[in-house]
Amino acid sequence: MKKCPKCDQTYTDKDLNFCYNDGELLSYMAEDAPTRAFSERPGFADDPPPTEFMGSARVTNEANWQPPQAAPAVWQGNEPNVPFSQFPTYVSPNQTLAVVSLGLGVGAVTIGWCCSSGFVLSPAALITGFIALSQIKKDPTRYGGRGFALGGIISAGIFIVLYLAFILFYILMAVIGNM
């Protein structure tokens, strides 16, 4: 048993720690004080909560079950084909060509040196980049990714300039070496 030192109320619940009347910390009575510091093993943060056994389970009568009479009427809005959303949604602009241009331009710079595949990738990056820029200029609310398109155009241009400089340097060294 536990006793409130303020109002002298006694409680038989061993798990109760505070008085219902005044909220004071309860103390054990002399004959019920625990002999050990822990009556059970100490609890840890990841221990599951204790299982509580309630009364009997809910009884249902499945034999007398009746299906609903009619399905509820579905609300039909005035605007057809409008997707429902709980929160306001924002449709992002289409950036497909701009991202393709950037990917082709970066591919031309990084792997374009192998087997001269950059001569295929860099014109494709230039074409898709310029198409993306013209679409963005015509309808900026529908198309986006101007930075991606510029990145693809610039990286493809850098590849073409460097590759042509490399070829000219190679030819120049071949001509100087034969003299």
C-alpha atoms as a PDB file:
ATOM      1  CA  MET A   1       0.000   0.000   0.000  1.00  0.00           C
ATOM      2  CA  LYS A   2       1.024   3.561  -0.622  1.00  0.00           C
ATOM      3  CA  LYS A   3       0.140   6.679   1.302  1.00  0.00           C
ATOM      4  CA  CYS A   4       0.024  10.367   0.442  1.00  0.00           C
ATOM      5  CA  PRO A   5       2.096  12.321   3.001  1.00  0.00           C
ATOM      6  CA  LYS A   6       0.008  15.467   2.482  1.00  0.00           C
ATOM      7  CA  CYS A   7      -3.627  14.279   2.700  1.00  0.00           C
ATOM      8  CA  ASP A   8      -3.087  10.781   4.285  1.00  0.00           C
ATOM      9  CA  GLN A   9      -5.055   9.036   1.491  1.00  0.00           C
ATOM     10  CA  THR A  10      -4.011   5.394   1.023  1.00  0.00           C
ATOM     11  CA  TYR A  11      -3.895   3.536  -2.305  1.00  0.00           C
ATOM     12  CA  THR A  12      -3.639  -0.202  -2.961  1.00  0.00           C
ATOM     13  CA  ASP A  13      -2.413   0.098  -6.548  1.00  0.00           C
ATOM     14  CA  LYS A  14       1.334  -0.619  -6.517  1.00  0.00           C
ATOM     15  CA  ASP A  15       1.853   1.090  -9.901  1.00  0.00           C
ATOM     16  CA  LEU A  16       0.347   4.396  -8.768  1.00  0.00           C
ATOM     17  CA  ASN A  17       2.994   7.022  -7.953  1.00  0.00           C
ATOM     18  CA  PHE A  18       1.065  10.265  -7.371  1.00  0.00           C
ATOM     19  CA  CYS A  19      -1.950  11.171  -5.250  1.00  0.00           C
ATOM     20  CA  TYR A  20      -5.245  11.694  -7.089  1.00  0.00           C
ATOM     21  CA  ASN A  21      -6.296  14.496  -4.739  1.00  0.00           C
ATOM     22  CA  ASP A  22      -3.262  16.781  -4.604  1.00  0.00           C
ATOM     23  CA  GLY A  23      -0.657  15.241  -6.942  1.00  0.00           C
ATOM     24  CA  GLU A  24       1.855  14.616  -4.146  1.00  0.00           C
ATOM     25  CA  LEU A  25       4.395  11.790  -4.574  1.00  0.00           C
ATOM     26  CA  LEU A  26       3.151   8.684  -2.771  1.00  0.00           C
ATOM     27  CA  SER A  27       5.350   6.837  -0.285  1.00  0.00           C
ATOM     28  CA  TYR A  28       5.261   3.177   0.678  1.00  0.00           C
ATOM     29  CA  MET A  29       3.877   2.215   4.011  1.00  0.00           C
ATOM     30  CA  ALA A  30       6.426   0.488   6.268  1.00  0.00           C
ATOM     31  CA  GLU A  31       5.110  -3.080   5.820  1.00  0.00           C
ATOM     32  CA  ASP A  32       4.734  -2.826   2.000  1.00  0.00           C
ATOM     33  CA  ALA A  33       8.068  -1.201   1.120  1.00  0.00           C
ATOM     34  CA  PRO A  34       9.973  -3.154  -1.530  1.00  0.00           C
ATOM     35  CA  THR A  35      12.996  -5.018  -0.250  1.00  0.00           C
ATOM     36  CA  ARG A  36      14.962  -4.640  -3.501  1.00  0.00           C
ATOM     37  CA  ALA A  37      15.557  -1.589  -5.617  1.00  0.00           C
ATOM     38  CA  PHE A  38      14.048  -3.365  -8.636  1.00  0.00           C
ATOM     39  CA  SER A  39      11.254  -5.862  -8.170  1.00  0.00           C
ATOM     40  CA  GLU A  40      11.728  -7.001 -11.784  1.00  0.00           C
ATOM     41  CA  ARG A  41      14.526  -6.593 -14.270  1.00  0.00           C
ATOM     42  CA  PRO A  42      15.191  -2.960 -15.228  1.00  0.00           C
ATOM     43  CA  GLY A  43      13.327  -1.706 -18.274  1.00  0.00           C
ATOM     44  CA  PHE A  44      15.005  -0.475 -21.431  1.00  0.00           C
ATOM     45  CA  ALA A  45      13.879   2.058 -24.007  1.00  0.00           C
ATOM     46  CA  ASP A  46      13.298  -0.552 -26.713  1.00  0.00           C
ATOM     47  CA  ASP A  47      11.270  -2.933 -24.538  1.00  0.00           C
ATOM     48  CA  PRO A  48       7.742  -3.527 -25.789  1.00  0.00           C
ATOM     49  CA  PRO A  49       4.947  -2.148 -23.638  1.00  0.00           C
ATOM     50  CA  PRO A  50       3.352  -4.583 -21.201  1.00  0.00           C
ATOM     51  CA  THR A  51       0.463  -6.642 -22.511  1.00  0.00           C
ATOM     52  CA  GLU A  52      -2.866  -5.698 -21.049  1.00  0.00           C
ATOM     53  CA  PHE A  53      -5.629  -8.279 -21.041  1.00  0.00           C
ATOM     54  CA  MET A  54      -9.053  -6.804 -21.504  1.00  0.00           C
ATOM     55  CA  GLY A  55     -12.428  -8.463 -21.147  1.00  0.00           C
ATOM     56  CA  SER A  56     -13.846 -10.836 -23.733  1.00  0.00           C
ATOM     57  CA  ALA A  57     -13.621 -10.032 -27.408  1.00  0.00           C
ATOM     58  CA  ARG A  58     -16.458  -8.251 -29.167  1.00  0.00           C
ATOM     59  CA  VAL A  59     -19.199 -10.628 -30.240  1.00  0.00           C
ATOM     60  CA  THR A  60     -20.594 -10.165 -33.714  1.00  0.00           C
ATOM     61  CA  ASN A  61     -23.585 -11.778 -35.314  1.00  0.00           C
ATOM     62  CA  GLU A  62     -22.485 -12.717 -38.808  1.00  0.00           C
ATOM     63  CA  ALA A  63     -25.546 -14.818 -39.607  1.00  0.00           C
ATOM     64  CA  ASN A  64     -27.932 -11.845 -39.463  1.00  0.00           C
ATOM     65  CA  TRP A  65     -25.778  -9.448 -41.448  1.00  0.00           C
ATOM     66  CA  GLN A  66     -27.634  -7.481 -44.105  1.00  0.00           C
ATOM     67  CA  PRO A  67     -25.861  -5.771 -47.000  1.00  0.00           C
ATOM     68  CA  PRO A  68     -26.503  -2.059 -47.496  1.00  0.00           C
ATOM     69  CA  GLN A  69     -29.579  -1.235 -49.540  1.00  0.00           C
ATOM     70  CA  ALA A  70     -27.944   0.976 -52.171  1.00  0.00           C
ATOM     71  CA  ALA A  71     -24.533   2.363 -52.877  1.00  0.00           C
ATOM     72  CA  PRO A  72     -24.106   5.990 -51.862  1.00  0.00           C
ATOM     73  CA  ALA A  73     -24.490   8.493 -54.653  1.00  0.00           C
ATOM     74  CA  VAL A  74     -21.194   9.687 -56.051  1.00  0.00           C
ATOM     75  CA  TRP A  75     -20.808  13.429 -56.359  1.00  0.00           C
ATOM     76  CA  GLN A  76     -20.273  14.590 -59.907  1.00  0.00           C
ATOM     77  CA  GLY A  77     -18.586  17.944 -60.268  1.00  0.00           C
ATOM     78  CA  ASN A  78     -19.335  20.504 -62.944  1.00  0.00           C
ATOM     79  CA  GLU A  79     -15.837  20.332 -64.411  1.00  0.00           C
ATOM     80  CA  PRO A  80     -15.013  16.960 -66.003  1.00  0.00           C
ATOM     81  CA  ASN A  81     -11.549  15.388 -65.809  1.00  0.00           C
ATOM     82  CA  VAL A  82     -10.286  17.608 -62.997  1.00  0.00           C
ATOM     83  CA  PRO A  83      -8.148  15.546 -60.610  1.00  0.00           C
ATOM     84  CA  PHE A  84      -9.102  15.894 -56.968  1.00  0.00           C
ATOM     85  CA  SER A  85      -6.379  16.955 -54.588  1.00  0.00           C
ATOM     86  CA  GLN A  86      -6.647  17.660 -50.903  1.00  0.00           C
ATOM     87  CA  PHE A  87      -3.924  20.270 -51.122  1.00  0.00           C
ATOM     88  CA  PRO A  88      -3.308  22.785 -53.909  1.00  0.00           C
ATOM     89  CA  THR A  89      -0.992  21.327 -56.508  1.00  0.00           C
ATOM     90  CA  TYR A  90       1.468  22.998 -58.816  1.00  0.00           C
ATOM     91  CA  VAL A  91       2.368  21.509 -62.172  1.00  0.00           C
ATOM     92  CA  SER A  92       6.037  22.036 -62.880  1.00  0.00           C
ATOM     93  CA  PRO A  93       7.070  23.168 -66.336  1.00  0.00           C
ATOM     94  CA  ASN A  94       8.242  20.614 -68.877  1.00  0.00           C
ATOM     95  CA  GLN A  95      12.060  20.408 -68.847  1.00  0.00           C
ATOM     96  CA  THR A  96      12.539  17.280 -70.950  1.00  0.00           C
ATOM     97  CA  LEU A  97      14.426  18.726 -73.936  1.00  0.00           C
ATOM     98  CA  ALA A  98      16.585  20.899 -71.698  1.00  0.00           C
ATOM     99  CA  VAL A  99      17.609  17.923 -69.560  1.00  0.00           C
ATOM    100  CA  VAL A 100      18.281  15.811 -72.677  1.00  0.00           C
ATOM    101  CA  SER A 101      20.464  18.612 -74.041  1.00  0.00           C
ATOM    102  CA  LEU A 102      22.440  18.797 -70.810  1.00  0.00           C
ATOM    103  CA  GLY A 103      22.868  15.022 -70.708  1.00  0.00           C
ATOM    104  CA  LEU A 104      24.083  14.887 -74.298  1.00  0.00           C
ATOM    105  CA  GLY A 105      26.448  17.823 -73.763  1.00  0.00           C
ATOM    106  CA  VAL A 106      27.970  16.303 -70.639  1.00  0.00           C
ATOM    107  CA  GLY A 107      28.194  12.956 -72.426  1.00  0.00           C
ATOM    108  CA  ALA A 108      30.016  14.602 -75.319  1.00  0.00           C
ATOM    109  CA  VAL A 109      32.561  16.196 -72.996  1.00  0.00           C
ATOM    110  CA  THR A 110      33.150  13.102 -70.842  1.00  0.00           C
ATOM    111  CA  ILE A 111      32.920  10.123 -73.199  1.00  0.00           C
ATOM    112  CA  GLY A 112      32.951  11.947 -76.540  1.00  0.00           C
ATOM    113  CA  TRP A 113      36.708  11.485 -76.874  1.00  0.00           C
ATOM    114  CA  CYS A 114      36.288   7.727 -77.255  1.00  0.00           C
ATOM    115  CA  CYS A 115      35.905   6.726 -80.909  1.00  0.00           C
ATOM    116  CA  SER A 116      34.900  10.312 -81.740  1.00  0.00           C
ATOM    117  CA  SER A 117      31.383   9.691 -80.405  1.00  0.00           C
ATOM    118  CA  GLY A 118      31.296  13.339 -79.385  1.00  0.00           C
ATOM    119  CA  PHE A 119      30.657  14.260 -83.016  1.00  0.00           C
ATOM    120  CA  VAL A 120      27.301  12.514 -82.678  1.00  0.00           C
ATOM    121  CA  LEU A 121      26.498  13.669 -79.139  1.00  0.00           C
ATOM    122  CA  SER A 122      27.477  17.332 -79.416  1.00  0.00           C
ATOM    123  CA  PRO A 123      25.294  18.232 -82.459  1.00  0.00           C
ATOM    124  CA  ALA A 124      22.390  16.432 -80.804  1.00  0.00           C
ATOM    125  CA  ALA A 125      22.997  18.464 -77.640  1.00  0.00           C
ATOM    126  CA  LEU A 126      23.115  21.684 -79.649  1.00  0.00           C
ATOM    127  CA  ILE A 127      19.901  20.886 -81.538  1.00  0.00           C
ATOM    128  CA  THR A 128      17.889  19.837 -78.494  1.00  0.00           C
ATOM    129  CA  GLY A 129      19.247  22.798 -76.499  1.00  0.00           C
ATOM    130  CA  PHE A 130      18.223  25.343 -79.131  1.00  0.00           C
ATOM    131  CA  ILE A 131      14.783  23.726 -79.525  1.00  0.00           C
ATOM    132  CA  ALA A 132      14.333  23.855 -75.733  1.00  0.00           C
ATOM    133  CA  LEU A 133      15.358  27.521 -75.617  1.00  0.00           C
ATOM    134  CA  SER A 134      12.888  28.427 -78.371  1.00  0.00           C
ATOM    135  CA  GLN A 135      10.076  26.579 -76.549  1.00  0.00           C
ATOM    136  CA  ILE A 136      10.944  28.328 -73.293  1.00  0.00           C
ATOM    137  CA  LYS A 137      10.934  31.710 -75.059  1.00  0.00           C
ATOM    138  CA  LYS A 138       7.503  31.057 -76.658  1.00  0.00           C
ATOM    139  CA  ASP A 139       5.720  29.716 -73.561  1.00  0.00           C
ATOM    140  CA  PRO A 140       7.687  30.109 -70.298  1.00  0.00           C
ATOM    141  CA  THR A 141       4.785  28.923 -68.139  1.00  0.00           C
ATOM    142  CA  ARG A 142       4.657  25.562 -69.913  1.00  0.00           C
ATOM    143  CA  TYR A 143       8.368  24.961 -70.567  1.00  0.00           C
ATOM    144  CA  GLY A 144      11.303  25.403 -68.215  1.00  0.00           C
ATOM    145  CA  GLY A 145      14.917  24.422 -67.735  1.00  0.00           C
ATOM    146  CA  ARG A 146      16.666  27.339 -69.420  1.00  0.00           C
ATOM    147  CA  GLY A 147      19.808  26.693 -67.380  1.00  0.00           C
ATOM    148  CA  PHE A 148      19.847  23.026 -68.372  1.00  0.00           C
ATOM    149  CA  ALA A 149      19.505  23.929 -72.050  1.00  0.00           C
ATOM    150  CA  LEU A 150      22.288  26.521 -71.813  1.00  0.00           C
ATOM    151  CA  GLY A 151      24.500  24.010 -70.014  1.00  0.00           C
ATOM    152  CA  GLY A 152      23.983  21.468 -72.790  1.00  0.00           C
ATOM    153  CA  ILE A 153      24.705  24.033 -75.524  1.00  0.00           C
ATOM    154  CA  ILE A 154      27.815  25.343 -73.775  1.00  0.00           C
ATOM    155  CA  SER A 155      29.255  21.905 -72.985  1.00  0.00           C
ATOM    156  CA  ALA A 156      28.639  20.694 -76.566  1.00  0.00           C
ATOM    157  CA  GLY A 157      30.274  23.858 -77.913  1.00  0.00           C
ATOM    158  CA  ILE A 158      33.272  23.396 -75.629  1.00  0.00           C
ATOM    159  CA  PHE A 159      33.684  19.824 -76.874  1.00  0.00           C
ATOM    160  CA  ILE A 160      33.579  20.859 -80.539  1.00  0.00           C
ATOM    161  CA  VAL A 161      36.097  23.671 -80.016  1.00  0.00           C
ATOM    162  CA  LEU A 162      38.496  21.471 -78.025  1.00  0.00           C
ATOM    163  CA  TYR A 163      38.214  18.553 -80.443  1.00  0.00           C
ATOM    164  CA  LEU A 164      38.849  20.767 -83.489  1.00  0.00           C
ATOM    165  CA  ALA A 165      41.819  22.372 -81.678  1.00  0.00           C
ATOM    166  CA  PHE A 166      43.165  18.894 -80.907  1.00  0.00           C
ATOM    167  CA  ILE A 167      42.855  17.834 -84.570  1.00  0.00           C
ATOM    168  CA  LEU A 168      44.497  21.044 -85.805  1.00  0.00           C
ATOM    169  CA  PHE A 169      47.332  20.613 -83.272  1.00  0.00           C
ATOM    170  CA  TYR A 170      47.821  17.001 -84.434  1.00  0.00           C
ATOM    171  CA  ILE A 171      47.926  17.999 -88.108  1.00  0.00           C
ATOM    172  CA  LEU A 172      50.293  20.893 -87.337  1.00  0.00           C
ATOM    173  CA  MET A 173      52.669  18.578 -85.450  1.00  0.00           C
ATOM    174  CA  ALA A 174      52.567  16.085 -88.332  1.00  0.00           C
ATOM    175  CA  VAL A 175      53.439  18.810 -90.858  1.00  0.00           C
ATOM    176  CA  ILE A 176      56.258  20.231 -88.676  1.00  0.00           C
ATOM    177  CA  GLY A 177      57.637  16.736 -88.059  1.00  0.00           C
ATOM    178  CA  ASN A 178      57.947  15.982 -91.830  1.00  0.00           C
ATOM    179  CA  MET A 179      59.999  19.113 -92.545  1.00  0.00           C
END
